Amino acid sequence: MSDIYREVALQTVREWPDLAEGTRTARPKAWGALAAHGITALRERVGRALTDAERRALWDALWRAAREEPDTDG
């Protein structure tokens, strides 16, 4: 299940690039909003509430994905 965190994180960053950019630039509330979207996406994918460990694993993957510079190749 560890790959699911990376998949959901990348999907969330792709769907919310403004929030990912805000996370990279430390814009207030951007990280919280991005994390909320990621949690919602993972919860929908697994069909249940997440455990604390699952939330933390997603936050870690999401933080890493958001901090990566976006592809400039399009």
N, C-alpha and C. Protein backbone atom coordinates (compact mmCIF):
# COMPACT_ATOMS: atom_id res chain seq x y z
N MET A 1 0.81 -1.20 0.00
CA MET A 1 0.00 0.00 0.00
C MET A 1 0.86 1.26 0.00
N SER A 2 2.16 1.14 0.15
CA SER A 2 3.01 2.33 0.22
C SER A 2 3.00 3.13 -1.08
N ASP A 3 2.87 2.49 -2.22
CA ASP A 3 2.83 3.21 -3.49
C ASP A 3 1.57 4.06 -3.62
N ILE A 4 0.51 3.68 -2.95
CA ILE A 4 -0.73 4.43 -3.04
C ILE A 4 -0.55 5.86 -2.51
N TYR A 5 0.30 6.02 -1.51
CA TYR A 5 0.53 7.36 -0.96
C TYR A 5 1.19 8.26 -2.00
N ARG A 6 2.18 7.75 -2.66
CA ARG A 6 2.87 8.52 -3.70
C ARG A 6 1.91 8.82 -4.86
N GLU A 7 1.14 7.83 -5.26
CA GLU A 7 0.18 8.02 -6.36
C GLU A 7 -0.83 9.11 -6.03
N VAL A 8 -1.41 9.04 -4.85
CA VAL A 8 -2.40 10.04 -4.44
C VAL A 8 -1.74 11.40 -4.29
N ALA A 9 -0.54 11.44 -3.76
CA ALA A 9 0.18 12.71 -3.60
C ALA A 9 0.43 13.36 -4.95
N LEU A 10 0.92 12.60 -5.90
CA LEU A 10 1.19 13.15 -7.24
C LEU A 10 -0.09 13.60 -7.92
N GLN A 11 -1.14 12.81 -7.78
CA GLN A 11 -2.44 13.17 -8.36
C GLN A 11 -2.94 14.48 -7.74
N THR A 12 -2.82 14.61 -6.45
CA THR A 12 -3.29 15.82 -5.76
C THR A 12 -2.51 17.04 -6.21
N VAL A 13 -1.20 16.90 -6.34
CA VAL A 13 -0.36 18.01 -6.81
C VAL A 13 -0.73 18.39 -8.24
N ARG A 14 -0.99 17.40 -9.08
CA ARG A 14 -1.40 17.68 -10.46
C ARG A 14 -2.74 18.40 -10.51
N GLU A 15 -3.67 17.99 -9.64
CA GLU A 15 -5.00 18.58 -9.65
C GLU A 15 -5.06 19.95 -8.98
N TRP A 16 -4.13 20.23 -8.12
CA TRP A 16 -4.10 21.50 -7.37
C TRP A 16 -2.73 22.16 -7.47
N PRO A 17 -2.28 22.49 -8.68
CA PRO A 17 -0.93 23.05 -8.83
C PRO A 17 -0.73 24.40 -8.12
N ASP A 18 -1.80 25.17 -8.00
CA ASP A 18 -1.69 26.44 -7.29
C ASP A 18 -1.38 26.22 -5.81
N LEU A 19 -1.97 25.19 -5.22
CA LEU A 19 -1.68 24.90 -3.82
C LEU A 19 -0.30 24.28 -3.65
N ALA A 20 0.14 23.50 -4.62
CA ALA A 20 1.50 22.95 -4.57
C ALA A 20 2.51 24.09 -4.65
N GLU A 21 2.27 25.03 -5.55
CA GLU A 21 3.15 26.19 -5.66
C GLU A 21 3.13 27.00 -4.37
N GLY A 22 1.96 27.18 -3.81
CA GLY A 22 1.85 27.88 -2.53
C GLY A 22 2.59 27.18 -1.42
N THR A 23 2.61 25.86 -1.44
CA THR A 23 3.37 25.09 -0.45
C THR A 23 4.86 25.33 -0.64
N ARG A 24 5.31 25.31 -1.89
CA ARG A 24 6.74 25.56 -2.18
C ARG A 24 7.16 26.95 -1.74
N THR A 25 6.27 27.92 -1.87
CA THR A 25 6.63 29.31 -1.56
C THR A 25 6.16 29.74 -0.17
N ALA A 26 5.66 28.81 0.61
CA ALA A 26 5.21 29.05 1.99
C ALA A 26 4.06 30.04 2.07
N ARG A 27 3.15 29.98 1.09
CA ARG A 27 1.96 30.83 1.14
C ARG A 27 1.06 30.32 2.26
N PRO A 28 0.59 31.22 3.11
CA PRO A 28 -0.27 30.80 4.22
C PRO A 28 -1.47 29.99 3.75
N LYS A 29 -1.74 28.93 4.46
CA LYS A 29 -2.88 28.03 4.28
C LYS A 29 -2.80 27.13 3.06
N ALA A 30 -1.81 27.29 2.21
CA ALA A 30 -1.71 26.45 1.01
C ALA A 30 -1.47 24.99 1.39
N TRP A 31 -0.54 24.75 2.32
CA TRP A 31 -0.24 23.38 2.71
C TRP A 31 -1.45 22.71 3.33
N GLY A 32 -2.14 23.37 4.20
CA GLY A 32 -3.32 22.79 4.83
C GLY A 32 -4.40 22.42 3.83
N ALA A 33 -4.62 23.30 2.86
CA ALA A 33 -5.62 23.03 1.84
C ALA A 33 -5.19 21.85 0.96
N LEU A 34 -3.93 21.83 0.58
CA LEU A 34 -3.42 20.73 -0.25
C LEU A 34 -3.52 19.41 0.50
N ALA A 35 -3.14 19.42 1.77
CA ALA A 35 -3.22 18.21 2.59
C ALA A 35 -4.67 17.72 2.71
N ALA A 36 -5.59 18.64 2.87
CA ALA A 36 -7.01 18.26 2.98
C ALA A 36 -7.49 17.60 1.69
N HIS A 37 -7.10 18.14 0.55
CA HIS A 37 -7.49 17.52 -0.72
C HIS A 37 -6.88 16.13 -0.85
N GLY A 38 -5.65 15.96 -0.42
CA GLY A 38 -5.01 14.66 -0.48
C GLY A 38 -5.69 13.64 0.42
N ILE A 39 -6.02 14.05 1.63
CA ILE A 39 -6.70 13.16 2.57
C ILE A 39 -8.04 12.72 2.00
N THR A 40 -8.77 13.66 1.45
CA THR A 40 -10.07 13.33 0.85
C THR A 40 -9.91 12.34 -0.29
N ALA A 41 -8.91 12.56 -1.14
CA ALA A 41 -8.68 11.66 -2.27
C ALA A 41 -8.32 10.25 -1.80
N LEU A 42 -7.46 10.15 -0.80
CA LEU A 42 -7.07 8.83 -0.31
C LEU A 42 -8.24 8.14 0.38
N ARG A 43 -8.99 8.89 1.16
CA ARG A 43 -10.15 8.30 1.84
C ARG A 43 -11.15 7.76 0.83
N GLU A 44 -11.39 8.50 -0.25
CA GLU A 44 -12.30 8.02 -1.29
C GLU A 44 -11.75 6.77 -1.97
N ARG A 45 -10.46 6.74 -2.14
CA ARG A 45 -9.83 5.60 -2.83
C ARG A 45 -9.90 4.32 -2.01
N VAL A 46 -9.68 4.43 -0.69
CA VAL A 46 -9.69 3.22 0.14
C VAL A 46 -11.08 2.91 0.70
N GLY A 47 -11.99 3.88 0.60
CA GLY A 47 -13.36 3.63 1.01
C GLY A 47 -13.62 3.60 2.50
N ARG A 48 -12.79 4.29 3.26
CA ARG A 48 -12.96 4.31 4.73
C ARG A 48 -12.14 5.46 5.30
N ALA A 49 -12.37 5.70 6.59
CA ALA A 49 -11.56 6.70 7.29
C ALA A 49 -10.11 6.20 7.38
N LEU A 50 -9.18 7.13 7.41
CA LEU A 50 -7.77 6.76 7.45
C LEU A 50 -7.29 6.64 8.89
N THR A 51 -6.31 5.78 9.09
CA THR A 51 -5.66 5.69 10.40
C THR A 51 -4.67 6.85 10.53
N ASP A 52 -4.21 7.09 11.74
CA ASP A 52 -3.20 8.13 11.94
C ASP A 52 -1.95 7.84 11.11
N ALA A 53 -1.54 6.59 11.08
CA ALA A 53 -0.34 6.22 10.33
C ALA A 53 -0.53 6.46 8.83
N GLU A 54 -1.71 6.17 8.32
CA GLU A 54 -1.99 6.41 6.90
C GLU A 54 -1.98 7.89 6.58
N ARG A 55 -2.58 8.69 7.46
CA ARG A 55 -2.57 10.15 7.24
C ARG A 55 -1.15 10.68 7.23
N ARG A 56 -0.37 10.23 8.17
CA ARG A 56 1.03 10.70 8.25
C ARG A 56 1.84 10.27 7.03
N ALA A 57 1.61 9.06 6.57
CA ALA A 57 2.32 8.58 5.37
C ALA A 57 1.92 9.41 4.15
N LEU A 58 0.64 9.73 4.05
CA LEU A 58 0.21 10.56 2.93
C LEU A 58 0.79 11.96 3.05
N TRP A 59 0.76 12.55 4.24
CA TRP A 59 1.33 13.88 4.43
C TRP A 59 2.79 13.92 4.00
N ASP A 60 3.54 12.89 4.37
CA ASP A 60 4.95 12.82 3.99
C ASP A 60 5.10 12.78 2.47
N ALA A 61 4.34 11.89 1.82
CA ALA A 61 4.42 11.77 0.36
C ALA A 61 3.94 13.05 -0.32
N LEU A 62 2.91 13.66 0.22
CA LEU A 62 2.36 14.87 -0.36
C LEU A 62 3.32 16.04 -0.20
N TRP A 63 3.95 16.16 0.95
CA TRP A 63 4.93 17.22 1.18
C TRP A 63 6.08 17.09 0.18
N ARG A 64 6.57 15.86 0.02
CA ARG A 64 7.67 15.64 -0.94
C ARG A 64 7.23 15.98 -2.37
N ALA A 65 6.05 15.54 -2.76
CA ALA A 65 5.58 15.80 -4.12
C ALA A 65 5.34 17.29 -4.34
N ALA A 66 4.82 17.98 -3.36
CA ALA A 66 4.54 19.41 -3.49
C ALA A 66 5.84 20.22 -3.58
N ARG A 67 6.89 19.75 -2.92
CA ARG A 67 8.15 20.49 -2.89
C ARG A 67 8.98 20.28 -4.16
N GLU A 68 8.63 19.26 -4.95
CA GLU A 68 9.34 19.03 -6.20
C GLU A 68 8.96 20.11 -7.20
N GLU A 69 9.91 20.53 -7.98
CA GLU A 69 9.61 21.51 -9.01
C GLU A 69 8.78 20.83 -10.09
N PRO A 70 7.76 21.51 -10.59
CA PRO A 70 6.95 20.90 -11.65
C PRO A 70 7.73 20.73 -12.94
N ASP A 71 7.30 19.76 -13.73
CA ASP A 71 7.92 19.55 -15.04
C ASP A 71 7.69 20.78 -15.91
N THR A 72 8.73 21.23 -16.58
CA THR A 72 8.59 22.38 -17.47
C THR A 72 8.38 21.95 -18.92
N ASP A 73 8.44 20.63 -19.15
CA ASP A 73 8.27 20.11 -20.51
C ASP A 73 6.81 20.07 -20.94
N GLY A 74 5.89 20.17 -19.96
CA GLY A 74 4.46 20.17 -20.29
C GLY A 74 3.96 18.83 -20.32
